[in-house]
Amino acid sequence: MAQTLRTVGENVAVIIPPDLLEQHGLKAGDLVHLISTEQGINIVPDETLDPDFRNAARIIMQKHHEVFQRLAEFDTQKL
């Protein structure tokens, strides 16, 4: 199923048809994760991620918050 990427403010969005949302038990406002793979981008509902992975990611983000903040600011400056 092909979808067009659309500009929303400074971001880009893709529309997910209602039947796909229903099939996967998703609705507007749900937290999902975007995971980059060799095949493309996977959209994964938050609860399907391994709790150990979530905890490790949280620890890394807290420990290196300043670095991630600087990277985000650098990326924004390039635009």
PDB file of N, CA and C in Angstrom:
ATOM      1  N   MET A   1       0.837  -1.163   0.000  1.00  0.00           N
ATOM      2  CA  MET A   1       0.000   0.000   0.000  1.00  0.00           C
ATOM      3  C   MET A   1       0.895   1.243   0.000  1.00  0.00           C
ATOM      4  N   ALA A   2       0.832   2.028  -1.023  1.00  0.00           N
ATOM      5  CA  ALA A   2       1.657   3.229  -1.152  1.00  0.00           C
ATOM      6  C   ALA A   2       0.966   4.407  -0.465  1.00  0.00           C
ATOM      7  N   GLN A   3       1.738   5.205   0.243  1.00  0.00           N
ATOM      8  CA  GLN A   3       1.248   6.417   0.885  1.00  0.00           C
ATOM      9  C   GLN A   3       2.220   7.545   0.570  1.00  0.00           C
ATOM     10  N   THR A   4       1.710   8.759   0.489  1.00  0.00           N
ATOM     11  CA  THR A   4       2.541   9.930   0.225  1.00  0.00           C
ATOM     12  C   THR A   4       2.988  10.547   1.543  1.00  0.00           C
ATOM     13  N   LEU A   5       4.269  10.856   1.653  1.00  0.00           N
ATOM     14  CA  LEU A   5       4.767  11.579   2.824  1.00  0.00           C
ATOM     15  C   LEU A   5       4.310  13.019   2.701  1.00  0.00           C
ATOM     16  N   ARG A   6       3.853  13.592   3.821  1.00  0.00           N
ATOM     17  CA  ARG A   6       3.305  14.946   3.815  1.00  0.00           C
ATOM     18  C   ARG A   6       4.041  15.817   4.838  1.00  0.00           C
ATOM     19  N   THR A   7       4.221  17.075   4.504  1.00  0.00           N
ATOM     20  CA  THR A   7       4.843  18.015   5.419  1.00  0.00           C
ATOM     21  C   THR A   7       3.812  18.475   6.443  1.00  0.00           C
ATOM     22  N   VAL A   8       4.205  18.407   7.712  1.00  0.00           N
ATOM     23  CA  VAL A   8       3.366  18.878   8.813  1.00  0.00           C
ATOM     24  C   VAL A   8       4.260  19.762   9.673  1.00  0.00           C
ATOM     25  N   GLY A   9       4.145  21.065   9.507  1.00  0.00           N
ATOM     26  CA  GLY A   9       5.059  21.979  10.190  1.00  0.00           C
ATOM     27  C   GLY A   9       6.462  21.763   9.664  1.00  0.00           C
ATOM     28  N   GLU A  10       7.387  21.486  10.569  1.00  0.00           N
ATOM     29  CA  GLU A  10       8.766  21.218  10.176  1.00  0.00           C
ATOM     30  C   GLU A  10       9.046  19.717  10.058  1.00  0.00           C
ATOM     31  N   ASN A  11       8.020  18.896  10.240  1.00  0.00           N
ATOM     32  CA  ASN A  11       8.167  17.447  10.206  1.00  0.00           C
ATOM     33  C   ASN A  11       7.535  16.863   8.954  1.00  0.00           C
ATOM     34  N   VAL A  12       7.695  15.589   8.786  1.00  0.00           N
ATOM     35  CA  VAL A  12       7.076  14.861   7.689  1.00  0.00           C
ATOM     36  C   VAL A  12       6.250  13.733   8.296  1.00  0.00           C
ATOM     37  N   ALA A  13       5.043  13.519   7.779  1.00  0.00           N
ATOM     38  CA  ALA A  13       4.134  12.513   8.319  1.00  0.00           C
ATOM     39  C   ALA A  13       3.642  11.597   7.213  1.00  0.00           C
ATOM     40  N   VAL A  14       3.204  10.424   7.616  1.00  0.00           N
ATOM     41  CA  VAL A  14       2.551   9.498   6.700  1.00  0.00           C
ATOM     42  C   VAL A  14       1.177   9.176   7.291  1.00  0.00           C
ATOM     43  N   ILE A  15       0.170   9.105   6.443  1.00  0.00           N
ATOM     44  CA  ILE A  15      -1.187   8.783   6.883  1.00  0.00           C
ATOM     45  C   ILE A  15      -1.324   7.270   6.948  1.00  0.00           C
ATOM     46  N   ILE A  16      -1.784   6.773   8.090  1.00  0.00           N
ATOM     47  CA  ILE A  16      -2.032   5.331   8.249  1.00  0.00           C
ATOM     48  C   ILE A  16      -3.537   5.121   8.138  1.00  0.00           C
ATOM     49  N   PRO A  17      -3.972   4.349   7.164  1.00  0.00           N
ATOM     50  CA  PRO A  17      -5.405   4.140   6.963  1.00  0.00           C
ATOM     51  C   PRO A  17      -6.074   3.497   8.183  1.00  0.00           C
ATOM     52  N   PRO A  18      -7.334   3.837   8.422  1.00  0.00           N
ATOM     53  CA  PRO A  18      -8.063   3.323   9.595  1.00  0.00           C
ATOM     54  C   PRO A  18      -8.073   1.806   9.706  1.00  0.00           C
ATOM     55  N   ASP A  19      -8.175   1.087   8.575  1.00  0.00           N
ATOM     56  CA  ASP A  19      -8.218  -0.370   8.653  1.00  0.00           C
ATOM     57  C   ASP A  19      -6.902  -0.950   9.180  1.00  0.00           C
ATOM     58  N   LEU A  20      -5.773  -0.338   8.816  1.00  0.00           N
ATOM     59  CA  LEU A  20      -4.487  -0.805   9.341  1.00  0.00           C
ATOM     60  C   LEU A  20      -4.361  -0.493  10.824  1.00  0.00           C
ATOM     61  N   LEU A  21      -4.815   0.688  11.234  1.00  0.00           N
ATOM     62  CA  LEU A  21      -4.779   1.041  12.652  1.00  0.00           C
ATOM     63  C   LEU A  21      -5.602   0.050  13.462  1.00  0.00           C
ATOM     64  N   GLU A  22      -6.800  -0.240  12.977  1.00  0.00           N
ATOM     65  CA  GLU A  22      -7.680  -1.183  13.677  1.00  0.00           C
ATOM     66  C   GLU A  22      -7.066  -2.583  13.723  1.00  0.00           C
ATOM     67  N   GLN A  23      -6.503  -3.013  12.615  1.00  0.00           N
ATOM     68  CA  GLN A  23      -5.889  -4.350  12.528  1.00  0.00           C
ATOM     69  C   GLN A  23      -4.784  -4.529  13.567  1.00  0.00           C
ATOM     70  N   HIS A  24      -4.075  -3.440  13.871  1.00  0.00           N
ATOM     71  CA  HIS A  24      -2.945  -3.527  14.794  1.00  0.00           C
ATOM     72  C   HIS A  24      -3.260  -2.925  16.164  1.00  0.00           C
ATOM     73  N   GLY A  25      -4.529  -2.592  16.382  1.00  0.00           N
ATOM     74  CA  GLY A  25      -4.952  -2.098  17.690  1.00  0.00           C
ATOM     75  C   GLY A  25      -4.377  -0.737  18.039  1.00  0.00           C
ATOM     76  N   LEU A  26      -4.176   0.106  17.036  1.00  0.00           N
ATOM     77  CA  LEU A  26      -3.609   1.435  17.260  1.00  0.00           C
ATOM     78  C   LEU A  26      -4.668   2.507  17.072  1.00  0.00           C
ATOM     79  N   LYS A  27      -4.433   3.649  17.725  1.00  0.00           N
ATOM     80  CA  LYS A  27      -5.328   4.805  17.551  1.00  0.00           C
ATOM     81  C   LYS A  27      -4.502   6.065  17.701  1.00  0.00           C
ATOM     82  N   ALA A  28      -5.060   7.180  17.269  1.00  0.00           N
ATOM     83  CA  ALA A  28      -4.376   8.468  17.396  1.00  0.00           C
ATOM     84  C   ALA A  28      -4.005   8.697  18.859  1.00  0.00           C
ATOM     85  N   GLY A  29      -2.793   9.140  19.093  1.00  0.00           N
ATOM     86  CA  GLY A  29      -2.312   9.405  20.441  1.00  0.00           C
ATOM     87  C   GLY A  29      -1.503   8.273  21.044  1.00  0.00           C
ATOM     88  N   ASP A  30      -1.542   7.074  20.429  1.00  0.00           N
ATOM     89  CA  ASP A  30      -0.746   5.959  20.939  1.00  0.00           C
ATOM     90  C   ASP A  30       0.737   6.231  20.739  1.00  0.00           C
ATOM     91  N   LEU A  31       1.550   5.755  21.674  1.00  0.00           N
ATOM     92  CA  LEU A  31       2.995   5.875  21.566  1.00  0.00           C
ATOM     93  C   LEU A  31       3.525   4.729  20.717  1.00  0.00           C
ATOM     94  N   VAL A  32       4.294   5.063  19.690  1.00  0.00           N
ATOM     95  CA  VAL A  32       4.935   4.057  18.842  1.00  0.00           C
ATOM     96  C   VAL A  32       6.413   4.404  18.718  1.00  0.00           C
ATOM     97  N   HIS A  33       7.191   3.438  18.300  1.00  0.00           N
ATOM     98  CA  HIS A  33       8.614   3.641  18.074  1.00  0.00           C
ATOM     99  C   HIS A  33       8.899   3.432  16.591  1.00  0.00           C
ATOM    100  N   LEU A  34       9.769   4.258  16.042  1.00  0.00           N
ATOM    101  CA  LEU A  34      10.213   4.107  14.663  1.00  0.00           C
ATOM    102  C   LEU A  34      11.578   3.441  14.720  1.00  0.00           C
ATOM    103  N   ILE A  35      11.684   2.287  14.092  1.00  0.00           N
ATOM    104  CA  ILE A  35      12.923   1.523  14.125  1.00  0.00           C
ATOM    105  C   ILE A  35      13.455   1.397  12.709  1.00  0.00           C
ATOM    106  N   SER A  36      14.676   1.857  12.516  1.00  0.00           N
ATOM    107  CA  SER A  36      15.318   1.792  11.207  1.00  0.00           C
ATOM    108  C   SER A  36      15.891   0.398  11.001  1.00  0.00           C
ATOM    109  N   THR A  37      15.566  -0.220   9.870  1.00  0.00           N
ATOM    110  CA  THR A  37      16.090  -1.540   9.526  1.00  0.00           C
ATOM    111  C   THR A  37      16.681  -1.475   8.123  1.00  0.00           C
ATOM    112  N   GLU A  38      17.322  -2.530   7.704  1.00  0.00           N
ATOM    113  CA  GLU A  38      17.859  -2.577   6.344  1.00  0.00           C
ATOM    114  C   GLU A  38      16.740  -2.504   5.309  1.00  0.00           C
ATOM    115  N   GLN A  39      15.541  -2.966   5.662  1.00  0.00           N
ATOM    116  CA  GLN A  39      14.415  -2.962   4.738  1.00  0.00           C
ATOM    117  C   GLN A  39      13.655  -1.644   4.732  1.00  0.00           C
ATOM    118  N   GLY A  40      13.838  -0.806   5.753  1.00  0.00           N
ATOM    119  CA  GLY A  40      13.103   0.451   5.810  1.00  0.00           C
ATOM    120  C   GLY A  40      12.826   0.850   7.244  1.00  0.00           C
ATOM    121  N   ILE A  41      11.686   1.460   7.478  1.00  0.00           N
ATOM    122  CA  ILE A  41      11.299   1.932   8.806  1.00  0.00           C
ATOM    123  C   ILE A  41      10.124   1.098   9.303  1.00  0.00           C
ATOM    124  N   ASN A  42      10.272   0.542  10.501  1.00  0.00           N
ATOM    125  CA  ASN A  42       9.181  -0.197  11.133  1.00  0.00           C
ATOM    126  C   ASN A  42       8.533   0.683  12.184  1.00  0.00           C
ATOM    127  N   ILE A  43       7.210   0.648  12.255  1.00  0.00           N
ATOM    128  CA  ILE A  43       6.458   1.343  13.296  1.00  0.00           C
ATOM    129  C   ILE A  43       6.028   0.277  14.292  1.00  0.00           C
ATOM    130  N   VAL A  44       6.503   0.409  15.539  1.00  0.00           N
ATOM    131  CA  VAL A  44       6.263  -0.623  16.538  1.00  0.00           C
ATOM    132  C   VAL A  44       5.531  -0.019  17.736  1.00  0.00           C
ATOM    133  N   PRO A  45       4.364  -0.585  18.097  1.00  0.00           N
ATOM    134  CA  PRO A  45       3.673  -0.092  19.292  1.00  0.00           C
ATOM    135  C   PRO A  45       4.585  -0.200  20.513  1.00  0.00           C
ATOM    136  N   ASP A  46       4.477   0.748  21.415  1.00  0.00           N
ATOM    137  CA  ASP A  46       5.357   0.814  22.578  1.00  0.00           C
ATOM    138  C   ASP A  46       5.376  -0.483  23.374  1.00  0.00           C
ATOM    139  N   GLU A  47       4.230  -1.097  23.597  1.00  0.00           N
ATOM    140  CA  GLU A  47       4.167  -2.264  24.470  1.00  0.00           C
ATOM    141  C   GLU A  47       4.815  -3.511  23.864  1.00  0.00           C
ATOM    142  N   THR A  48       5.127  -3.499  22.580  1.00  0.00           N
ATOM    143  CA  THR A  48       5.737  -4.689  21.983  1.00  0.00           C
ATOM    144  C   THR A  48       7.252  -4.699  22.135  1.00  0.00           C
ATOM    145  N   LEU A  49       7.848  -3.570  22.546  1.00  0.00           N
ATOM    146  CA  LEU A  49       9.285  -3.555  22.739  1.00  0.00           C
ATOM    147  C   LEU A  49       9.643  -4.278  24.028  1.00  0.00           C
ATOM    148  N   ASP A  50      10.729  -5.003  23.988  1.00  0.00           N
ATOM    149  CA  ASP A  50      11.219  -5.727  25.146  1.00  0.00           C
ATOM    150  C   ASP A  50      11.459  -4.757  26.303  1.00  0.00           C
ATOM    151  N   PRO A  51      10.934  -5.045  27.483  1.00  0.00           N
ATOM    152  CA  PRO A  51      11.113  -4.140  28.625  1.00  0.00           C
ATOM    153  C   PRO A  51      12.585  -3.875  28.950  1.00  0.00           C
ATOM    154  N   ASP A  52      13.445  -4.867  28.779  1.00  0.00           N
ATOM    155  CA  ASP A  52      14.874  -4.667  29.023  1.00  0.00           C
ATOM    156  C   ASP A  52      15.457  -3.660  28.037  1.00  0.00           C
ATOM    157  N   PHE A  53      15.010  -3.730  26.770  1.00  0.00           N
ATOM    158  CA  PHE A  53      15.465  -2.781  25.762  1.00  0.00           C
ATOM    159  C   PHE A  53      15.006  -1.371  26.120  1.00  0.00           C
ATOM    160  N   ARG A  54      13.731  -1.243  26.503  1.00  0.00           N
ATOM    161  CA  ARG A  54      13.190   0.063  26.893  1.00  0.00           C
ATOM    162  C   ARG A  54      13.959   0.647  28.066  1.00  0.00           C
ATOM    163  N   ASN A  55      14.251  -0.194  29.058  1.00  0.00           N
ATOM    164  CA  ASN A  55      14.981   0.267  30.233  1.00  0.00           C
ATOM    165  C   ASN A  55      16.397   0.697  29.853  1.00  0.00           C
ATOM    166  N   ALA A  56      17.067  -0.099  29.017  1.00  0.00           N
ATOM    167  CA  ALA A  56      18.427   0.243  28.587  1.00  0.00           C
ATOM    168  C   ALA A  56      18.419   1.563  27.815  1.00  0.00           C
ATOM    169  N   ALA A  57      17.445   1.751  26.924  1.00  0.00           N
ATOM    170  CA  ALA A  57      17.351   2.990  26.155  1.00  0.00           C
ATOM    171  C   ALA A  57      17.118   4.177  27.084  1.00  0.00           C
ATOM    172  N   ARG A  58      16.266   4.002  28.083  1.00  0.00           N
ATOM    173  CA  ARG A  58      15.988   5.069  29.035  1.00  0.00           C
ATOM    174  C   ARG A  58      17.261   5.456  29.792  1.00  0.00           C
ATOM    175  N   ILE A  59      18.025   4.463  30.240  1.00  0.00           N
ATOM    176  CA  ILE A  59      19.264   4.718  30.973  1.00  0.00           C
ATOM    177  C   ILE A  59      20.264   5.462  30.089  1.00  0.00           C
ATOM    178  N   ILE A  60      20.391   5.015  28.842  1.00  0.00           N
ATOM    179  CA  ILE A  60      21.329   5.667  27.910  1.00  0.00           C
ATOM    180  C   ILE A  60      20.911   7.107  27.658  1.00  0.00           C
ATOM    181  N   MET A  61      19.612   7.331  27.450  1.00  0.00           N
ATOM    182  CA  MET A  61      19.126   8.693  27.206  1.00  0.00           C
ATOM    183  C   MET A  61      19.381   9.590  28.412  1.00  0.00           C
ATOM    184  N   GLN A  62      19.163   9.070  29.619  1.00  0.00           N
ATOM    185  CA  GLN A  62      19.401   9.869  30.820  1.00  0.00           C
ATOM    186  C   GLN A  62      20.884  10.155  30.993  1.00  0.00           C
ATOM    187  N   LYS A  63      21.704   9.136  30.791  1.00  0.00           N
ATOM    188  CA  LYS A  63      23.145   9.274  30.999  1.00  0.00           C
ATOM    189  C   LYS A  63      23.773  10.236  29.987  1.00  0.00           C
ATOM    190  N   HIS A  64      23.287  10.209  28.757  1.00  0.00           N
ATOM    191  CA  HIS A  64      23.887  10.998  27.679  1.00  0.00           C
ATOM    192  C   HIS A  64      22.940  12.086  27.164  1.00  0.00           C
ATOM    193  N   HIS A  65      22.046  12.549  28.028  1.00  0.00           N
ATOM    194  CA  HIS A  65      21.044  13.553  27.635  1.00  0.00           C
ATOM    195  C   HIS A  65      21.693  14.780  26.982  1.00  0.00           C
ATOM    196  N   GLU A  66      22.772  15.252  27.571  1.00  0.00           N
ATOM    197  CA  GLU A  66      23.428  16.455  27.066  1.00  0.00           C
ATOM    198  C   GLU A  66      23.944  16.254  25.634  1.00  0.00           C
ATOM    199  N   VAL A  67      24.502  15.092  25.360  1.00  0.00           N
ATOM    200  CA  VAL A  67      25.016  14.785  24.020  1.00  0.00           C
ATOM    201  C   VAL A  67      23.871  14.749  23.017  1.00  0.00           C
ATOM    202  N   PHE A  68      22.763  14.078  23.373  1.00  0.00           N
ATOM    203  CA  PHE A  68      21.618  14.002  22.468  1.00  0.00           C
ATOM    204  C   PHE A  68      21.019  15.392  22.225  1.00  0.00           C
ATOM    205  N   GLN A  69      21.005  16.222  23.262  1.00  0.00           N
ATOM    206  CA  GLN A  69      20.488  17.582  23.116  1.00  0.00           C
ATOM    207  C   GLN A  69      21.350  18.372  22.137  1.00  0.00           C
ATOM    208  N   ARG A  70      22.672  18.259  22.273  1.00  0.00           N
ATOM    209  CA  ARG A  70      23.579  18.968  21.359  1.00  0.00           C
ATOM    210  C   ARG A  70      23.415  18.473  19.924  1.00  0.00           C
ATOM    211  N   LEU A  71      23.246  17.171  19.753  1.00  0.00           N
ATOM    212  CA  LEU A  71      23.029  16.619  18.407  1.00  0.00           C
ATOM    213  C   LEU A  71      21.735  17.157  17.805  1.00  0.00           C
ATOM    214  N   ALA A  72      20.695  17.222  18.605  1.00  0.00           N
ATOM    215  CA  ALA A  72      19.411  17.736  18.110  1.00  0.00           C
ATOM    216  C   ALA A  72      19.547  19.205  17.709  1.00  0.00           C
ATOM    217  N   GLU A  73      20.246  19.984  18.516  1.00  0.00           N
ATOM    218  CA  GLU A  73      20.438  21.396  18.195  1.00  0.00           C
ATOM    219  C   GLU A  73      21.292  21.560  16.944  1.00  0.00           C
ATOM    220  N   PHE A  74      22.322  20.740  16.803  1.00  0.00           N
ATOM    221  CA  PHE A  74      23.188  20.799  15.623  1.00  0.00           C
ATOM    222  C   PHE A  74      22.381  20.472  14.373  1.00  0.00           C
ATOM    223  N   ASP A  75      21.564  19.433  14.432  1.00  0.00           N
ATOM    224  CA  ASP A  75      20.747  19.029  13.288  1.00  0.00           C
ATOM    225  C   ASP A  75      19.781  20.147  12.906  1.00  0.00           C
ATOM    226  N   THR A  76      19.200  20.800  13.886  1.00  0.00           N
ATOM    227  CA  THR A  76      18.255  21.890  13.629  1.00  0.00           C
ATOM    228  C   THR A  76      18.943  23.063  12.964  1.00  0.00           C
ATOM    229  N   GLN A  77      20.175  23.344  13.368  1.00  0.00           N
ATOM    230  CA  GLN A  77      20.932  24.463  12.802  1.00  0.00           C
ATOM    231  C   GLN A  77      21.274  24.222  11.329  1.00  0.00           C
ATOM    232  N   LYS A  78      21.406  22.959  10.933  1.00  0.00           N
ATOM    233  CA  LYS A  78      21.753  22.643   9.550  1.00  0.00           C
ATOM    234  C   LYS A  78      20.591  22.877   8.605  1.00  0.00           C
ATOM    235  N   LEU A  79      19.360  22.860   9.132  1.00  0.00           N
ATOM    236  CA  LEU A  79      18.180  22.993   8.261  1.00  0.00           C
ATOM    237  C   LEU A  79      17.978  24.375   7.783  1.00  0.00           C
TER     238      LEU A  79
END
